[in-house]
Amino acid sequence: MTGVTMGTVRDRYRDGVRELGGRQKTSKGAPAYSRWVNRWLGRRFAAAANVAGLTPNAVTGLSALLTFAAIATLATVRPTPLVGVLIGVGLALGYALDAADGQLARLQGTGSRSGEWLDHVVDAIKTASLHLAVLIAAFRYFTIDDAWLLVPLGYSVVSGVFFFTMTLTDQLRRSARGKETQFMAADGSSSTLYSLAVAPTDYGILCLALGLVGWQDVFVPVYTLLFVATAGFVLLALPKWYREIRTLG
């Protein structure tokens, strides 16, 4: 009986992964880590959550728990190499679960405005707090010129603007096209080269970079480069998004 039960569980899991493989959001504009790593992990977490009987909101809660535990650790615990790796793993798993909640909703047919609202609120809190945690950690534990503290402060501003404008632009696109759900893969995809080029703006890459916080001499230049790349992308994207929204009427 146990063998049959385990076989059924495996079949349900595989069926879920297979079904979600054909029901992905468009990869247009998606950077490399989110496109090829995080969505891959998200499908598997979503299929496992479905077998376990979890709701999308429960998965959102697990994502928030891992993410904010990692952010709190970053701000309050001296960043040794082990602590840094744990922070990076916690953020990366939280990000994968963030991808899984929407996929689980599609798999179960339970997508809702309240679920999307909850997901965006968690993302907004994460966006507002993550770089401030880096700022606190650098002030408390780094041996570095005080001028560098402007980097996480600026990164916090850039990330907040990026998240808000990207979310608003997507909502306005969907409203103009009369679609309640986010675009599926049939609506197109970005080239491999583009996904690799915008990889420095990817939250998943930032999670991995934060795993280096225990090695200050490596972390500081990597984090600074990601900030410069993200700021440059936002400066280029804002006028493009504005022109696009104007064409929507």
Protein backbone atom coordinates (compact mmCIF):
# COMPACT_ATOMS: atom_id res chain seq x y z
CA MET A 1 0.00 0.00 0.00
CA THR A 2 2.84 2.32 0.86
CA GLY A 3 4.46 1.68 -2.53
CA VAL A 4 1.23 2.48 -4.34
CA THR A 5 0.77 5.64 -2.29
CA MET A 6 4.32 6.84 -2.94
CA GLY A 7 3.90 6.03 -6.62
CA THR A 8 0.74 8.12 -6.75
CA VAL A 9 2.51 11.01 -5.05
CA ARG A 10 5.36 10.85 -7.56
CA ASP A 11 2.91 10.73 -10.46
CA ARG A 12 1.00 13.75 -9.18
CA TYR A 13 4.26 15.64 -8.71
CA ARG A 14 5.49 14.82 -12.21
CA ASP A 15 2.12 15.67 -13.74
CA GLY A 16 2.19 19.01 -11.95
CA VAL A 17 5.69 19.85 -13.19
CA ARG A 18 4.73 18.83 -16.72
CA GLU A 19 1.53 20.90 -16.72
CA LEU A 20 3.28 23.98 -15.35
CA GLY A 21 5.95 23.67 -18.03
CA GLY A 22 3.35 24.77 -20.57
CA ARG A 23 1.80 27.48 -18.40
CA GLN A 24 4.68 29.83 -17.73
CA LYS A 25 4.70 33.60 -17.84
CA THR A 26 6.32 35.13 -20.86
CA SER A 27 10.11 35.17 -20.77
CA LYS A 28 10.14 38.49 -22.60
CA GLY A 29 12.33 40.85 -20.60
CA ALA A 30 13.24 38.13 -18.08
CA PRO A 31 16.87 38.08 -16.91
CA ALA A 32 18.89 34.86 -16.92
CA TYR A 33 18.56 33.60 -13.35
CA SER A 34 14.83 34.24 -13.13
CA ARG A 35 14.23 32.72 -16.56
CA TRP A 36 16.29 29.53 -16.35
CA VAL A 37 16.85 28.85 -12.65
CA ASN A 38 14.12 30.41 -10.53
CA ARG A 39 11.17 29.40 -12.70
CA TRP A 40 12.61 25.87 -12.92
CA LEU A 41 12.79 25.69 -9.12
CA GLY A 42 9.41 27.40 -8.77
CA ARG A 43 7.69 24.76 -10.91
CA ARG A 44 9.03 21.99 -8.72
CA PHE A 45 8.17 23.74 -5.47
CA ALA A 46 4.68 24.47 -6.80
CA ALA A 47 4.15 20.84 -7.83
CA ALA A 48 5.38 19.63 -4.44
CA ALA A 49 3.15 22.14 -2.62
CA ASN A 50 0.18 20.95 -4.66
CA VAL A 51 0.82 17.34 -3.64
CA ALA A 52 1.16 18.48 -0.01
CA GLY A 53 -2.19 20.30 -0.20
CA LEU A 54 -0.77 23.77 0.44
CA THR A 55 -2.51 26.93 -0.76
CA PRO A 56 -0.73 29.67 -2.75
CA ASN A 57 -1.00 32.00 0.25
CA ALA A 58 0.71 29.39 2.43
CA VAL A 59 3.57 29.23 -0.07
CA THR A 60 3.74 33.04 -0.04
CA GLY A 61 4.00 32.84 3.74
CA LEU A 62 6.87 30.34 3.55
CA SER A 63 8.63 32.59 1.05
CA ALA A 64 8.23 35.57 3.38
CA LEU A 65 9.46 33.56 6.38
CA LEU A 66 12.70 32.51 4.66
CA THR A 67 13.29 35.90 3.07
CA PHE A 68 12.77 38.01 6.17
CA ALA A 69 14.71 35.60 8.38
CA ALA A 70 17.65 36.03 5.99
CA ILE A 71 17.26 39.82 5.94
CA ALA A 72 17.10 39.97 9.75
CA THR A 73 20.21 37.81 9.96
CA LEU A 74 22.01 40.09 7.52
CA ALA A 75 21.24 43.13 9.68
CA THR A 76 21.95 41.63 13.11
CA VAL A 77 24.59 38.87 12.85
CA ARG A 78 28.27 39.38 12.11
CA PRO A 79 28.75 38.19 8.50
CA THR A 80 31.12 35.23 8.66
CA PRO A 81 31.46 33.08 5.53
CA LEU A 82 29.01 30.53 6.94
CA VAL A 83 26.48 33.20 7.89
CA GLY A 84 26.81 34.72 4.42
CA VAL A 85 26.13 31.40 2.71
CA LEU A 86 23.07 30.83 4.92
CA ILE A 87 21.79 34.31 4.05
CA GLY A 88 22.25 33.67 0.33
CA VAL A 89 20.55 30.26 0.50
CA GLY A 90 17.65 31.66 2.53
CA LEU A 91 17.08 34.50 0.07
CA ALA A 92 17.38 32.20 -2.96
CA LEU A 93 14.89 29.69 -1.52
CA GLY A 94 12.54 32.52 -0.61
CA TYR A 95 12.76 33.75 -4.19
CA ALA A 96 12.02 30.29 -5.59
CA LEU A 97 8.95 30.03 -3.35
CA ASP A 98 7.93 33.50 -4.53
CA ALA A 99 7.87 32.07 -8.05
CA ALA A 100 6.04 28.97 -6.83
CA ASP A 101 2.99 30.67 -5.28
CA GLY A 102 1.74 32.07 -8.60
CA GLN A 103 2.46 28.82 -10.39
CA LEU A 104 0.59 26.90 -7.72
CA ALA A 105 -2.38 29.23 -8.16
CA ARG A 106 -2.38 28.51 -11.91
CA LEU A 107 -2.09 24.76 -11.28
CA GLN A 108 -4.99 24.76 -8.81
CA GLY A 109 -7.05 27.35 -10.68
CA THR A 110 -7.22 29.47 -7.53
CA GLY A 111 -5.66 32.72 -8.71
CA SER A 112 -7.21 35.79 -7.09
CA ARG A 113 -6.69 39.52 -6.73
CA SER A 114 -6.17 39.09 -2.98
CA GLY A 115 -3.43 36.53 -3.59
CA GLU A 116 -1.70 38.82 -6.07
CA TRP A 117 -2.04 41.69 -3.61
CA LEU A 118 -0.43 39.63 -0.83
CA ASP A 119 2.41 38.58 -3.12
CA HIS A 120 3.14 42.16 -4.16
CA VAL A 121 2.99 43.44 -0.57
CA VAL A 122 5.57 40.86 0.53
CA ASP A 123 7.74 41.84 -2.44
CA ALA A 124 7.38 45.52 -1.56
CA ILE A 125 8.47 44.94 2.05
CA LYS A 126 11.39 42.83 0.83
CA THR A 127 12.43 45.52 -1.65
CA ALA A 128 12.23 48.25 0.99
CA SER A 129 14.21 46.38 3.63
CA LEU A 130 16.90 44.30 1.91
CA HIS A 131 19.40 47.03 1.04
CA LEU A 132 18.78 48.79 4.34
CA ALA A 133 19.90 45.55 5.99
CA VAL A 134 23.09 45.71 3.89
CA LEU A 135 23.54 49.31 5.04
CA ILE A 136 23.18 48.28 8.71
CA ALA A 137 25.58 45.33 8.28
CA ALA A 138 28.19 47.51 6.57
CA PHE A 139 27.93 50.20 9.26
CA ARG A 140 28.21 47.68 12.11
CA TYR A 141 30.67 45.13 10.81
CA PHE A 142 32.59 46.30 7.72
CA THR A 143 35.96 48.01 7.75
CA ILE A 144 35.25 50.44 4.96
CA ASP A 145 35.11 54.13 4.13
CA ASP A 146 31.86 55.72 5.28
CA ALA A 147 31.27 57.04 1.75
CA TRP A 148 30.54 53.47 0.59
CA LEU A 149 27.44 53.46 2.77
CA LEU A 150 25.85 55.58 0.04
CA VAL A 151 25.89 52.49 -2.21
CA PRO A 152 23.29 50.41 -0.30
CA LEU A 153 21.33 53.61 0.35
CA GLY A 154 21.25 54.37 -3.37
CA TYR A 155 20.53 50.71 -4.17
CA SER A 156 17.48 50.89 -1.89
CA VAL A 157 16.13 53.88 -3.81
CA VAL A 158 16.83 52.33 -7.21
CA SER A 159 15.26 48.99 -6.22
CA GLY A 160 12.14 50.70 -4.91
CA VAL A 161 11.72 52.70 -8.12
CA PHE A 162 12.45 49.61 -10.25
CA PHE A 163 9.91 47.43 -8.43
CA PHE A 164 7.15 50.04 -8.42
CA THR A 165 7.50 51.15 -12.04
CA MET A 166 7.89 47.60 -13.35
CA THR A 167 4.76 46.48 -11.46
CA LEU A 168 2.78 49.53 -12.52
CA THR A 169 3.83 49.16 -16.16
CA ASP A 170 2.76 45.52 -16.16
CA GLN A 171 -0.61 46.38 -14.61
CA LEU A 172 -1.24 49.10 -17.19
CA ARG A 173 -0.29 46.75 -20.04
CA ARG A 174 -2.69 44.11 -18.75
CA SER A 175 -5.45 46.64 -18.25
CA ALA A 176 -5.02 48.03 -21.76
CA ARG A 177 -5.13 44.56 -23.29
CA GLY A 178 -8.05 43.42 -21.14
CA LYS A 179 -6.11 40.54 -19.57
CA GLU A 180 -6.50 39.59 -15.93
CA THR A 181 -3.62 37.14 -15.95
CA GLN A 182 0.01 37.77 -16.73
CA PHE A 183 1.16 36.98 -20.22
CA MET A 184 1.96 33.35 -21.02
CA ALA A 185 4.86 32.04 -23.05
CA ALA A 186 2.94 32.32 -26.32
CA ASP A 187 3.30 36.10 -26.15
CA GLY A 188 7.01 35.90 -26.98
CA SER A 189 10.38 35.65 -25.34
CA SER A 190 13.62 37.54 -25.08
CA SER A 191 16.80 36.38 -26.75
CA THR A 192 19.38 34.46 -24.78
CA LEU A 193 21.79 37.35 -25.25
CA TYR A 194 19.32 39.85 -23.76
CA SER A 195 18.61 37.63 -20.75
CA LEU A 196 22.33 37.34 -20.08
CA ALA A 197 22.93 41.06 -20.62
CA VAL A 198 20.35 42.09 -18.01
CA ALA A 199 21.38 39.37 -15.53
CA PRO A 200 23.01 41.95 -13.18
CA THR A 201 19.53 43.43 -12.57
CA ASP A 202 18.17 40.01 -11.52
CA TYR A 203 17.06 39.63 -7.90
CA GLY A 204 18.30 36.04 -7.99
CA ILE A 205 21.82 37.21 -8.85
CA LEU A 206 21.58 39.66 -5.93
CA CYS A 207 20.64 36.76 -3.62
CA LEU A 208 23.78 34.91 -4.71
CA ALA A 209 25.88 38.06 -4.28
CA LEU A 210 24.61 38.51 -0.74
CA GLY A 211 25.87 35.02 -0.02
CA LEU A 212 29.35 36.55 -0.38
CA VAL A 213 28.82 39.04 2.45
CA GLY A 214 31.15 37.04 4.70
CA TRP A 215 34.01 37.82 2.31
CA GLN A 216 34.02 41.63 2.44
CA ASP A 217 36.78 42.13 -0.16
CA VAL A 218 34.74 40.14 -2.69
CA PHE A 219 31.27 41.28 -1.68
CA VAL A 220 31.85 45.04 -1.78
CA PRO A 221 32.94 45.29 -5.47
CA VAL A 222 30.37 42.72 -6.62
CA TYR A 223 27.53 44.49 -4.80
CA THR A 224 28.71 47.87 -6.11
CA LEU A 225 28.79 46.62 -9.70
CA LEU A 226 25.27 45.21 -9.37
CA PHE A 227 24.08 48.57 -8.07
CA VAL A 228 25.67 50.47 -10.97
CA ALA A 229 24.22 48.01 -13.51
CA THR A 230 20.74 48.15 -12.00
CA ALA A 231 20.77 51.95 -11.78
CA GLY A 232 21.88 52.17 -15.41
CA PHE A 233 19.15 49.78 -16.53
CA VAL A 234 16.46 51.73 -14.69
CA LEU A 235 17.63 55.02 -16.20
CA LEU A 236 17.36 53.49 -19.67
CA ALA A 237 14.10 51.63 -19.02
CA LEU A 238 12.05 54.47 -17.53
CA PRO A 239 11.73 56.58 -20.73
CA LYS A 240 11.14 53.42 -22.79
CA TRP A 241 8.32 52.28 -20.49
CA TYR A 242 6.83 55.77 -20.52
CA ARG A 243 6.74 55.85 -24.32
CA GLU A 244 5.18 52.38 -24.36
CA ILE A 245 2.42 53.40 -21.95
CA ARG A 246 1.70 56.48 -24.04
CA THR A 247 1.10 54.28 -27.09
CA LEU A 248 -1.47 52.30 -25.08
CA GLY A 249 -3.64 55.41 -24.94
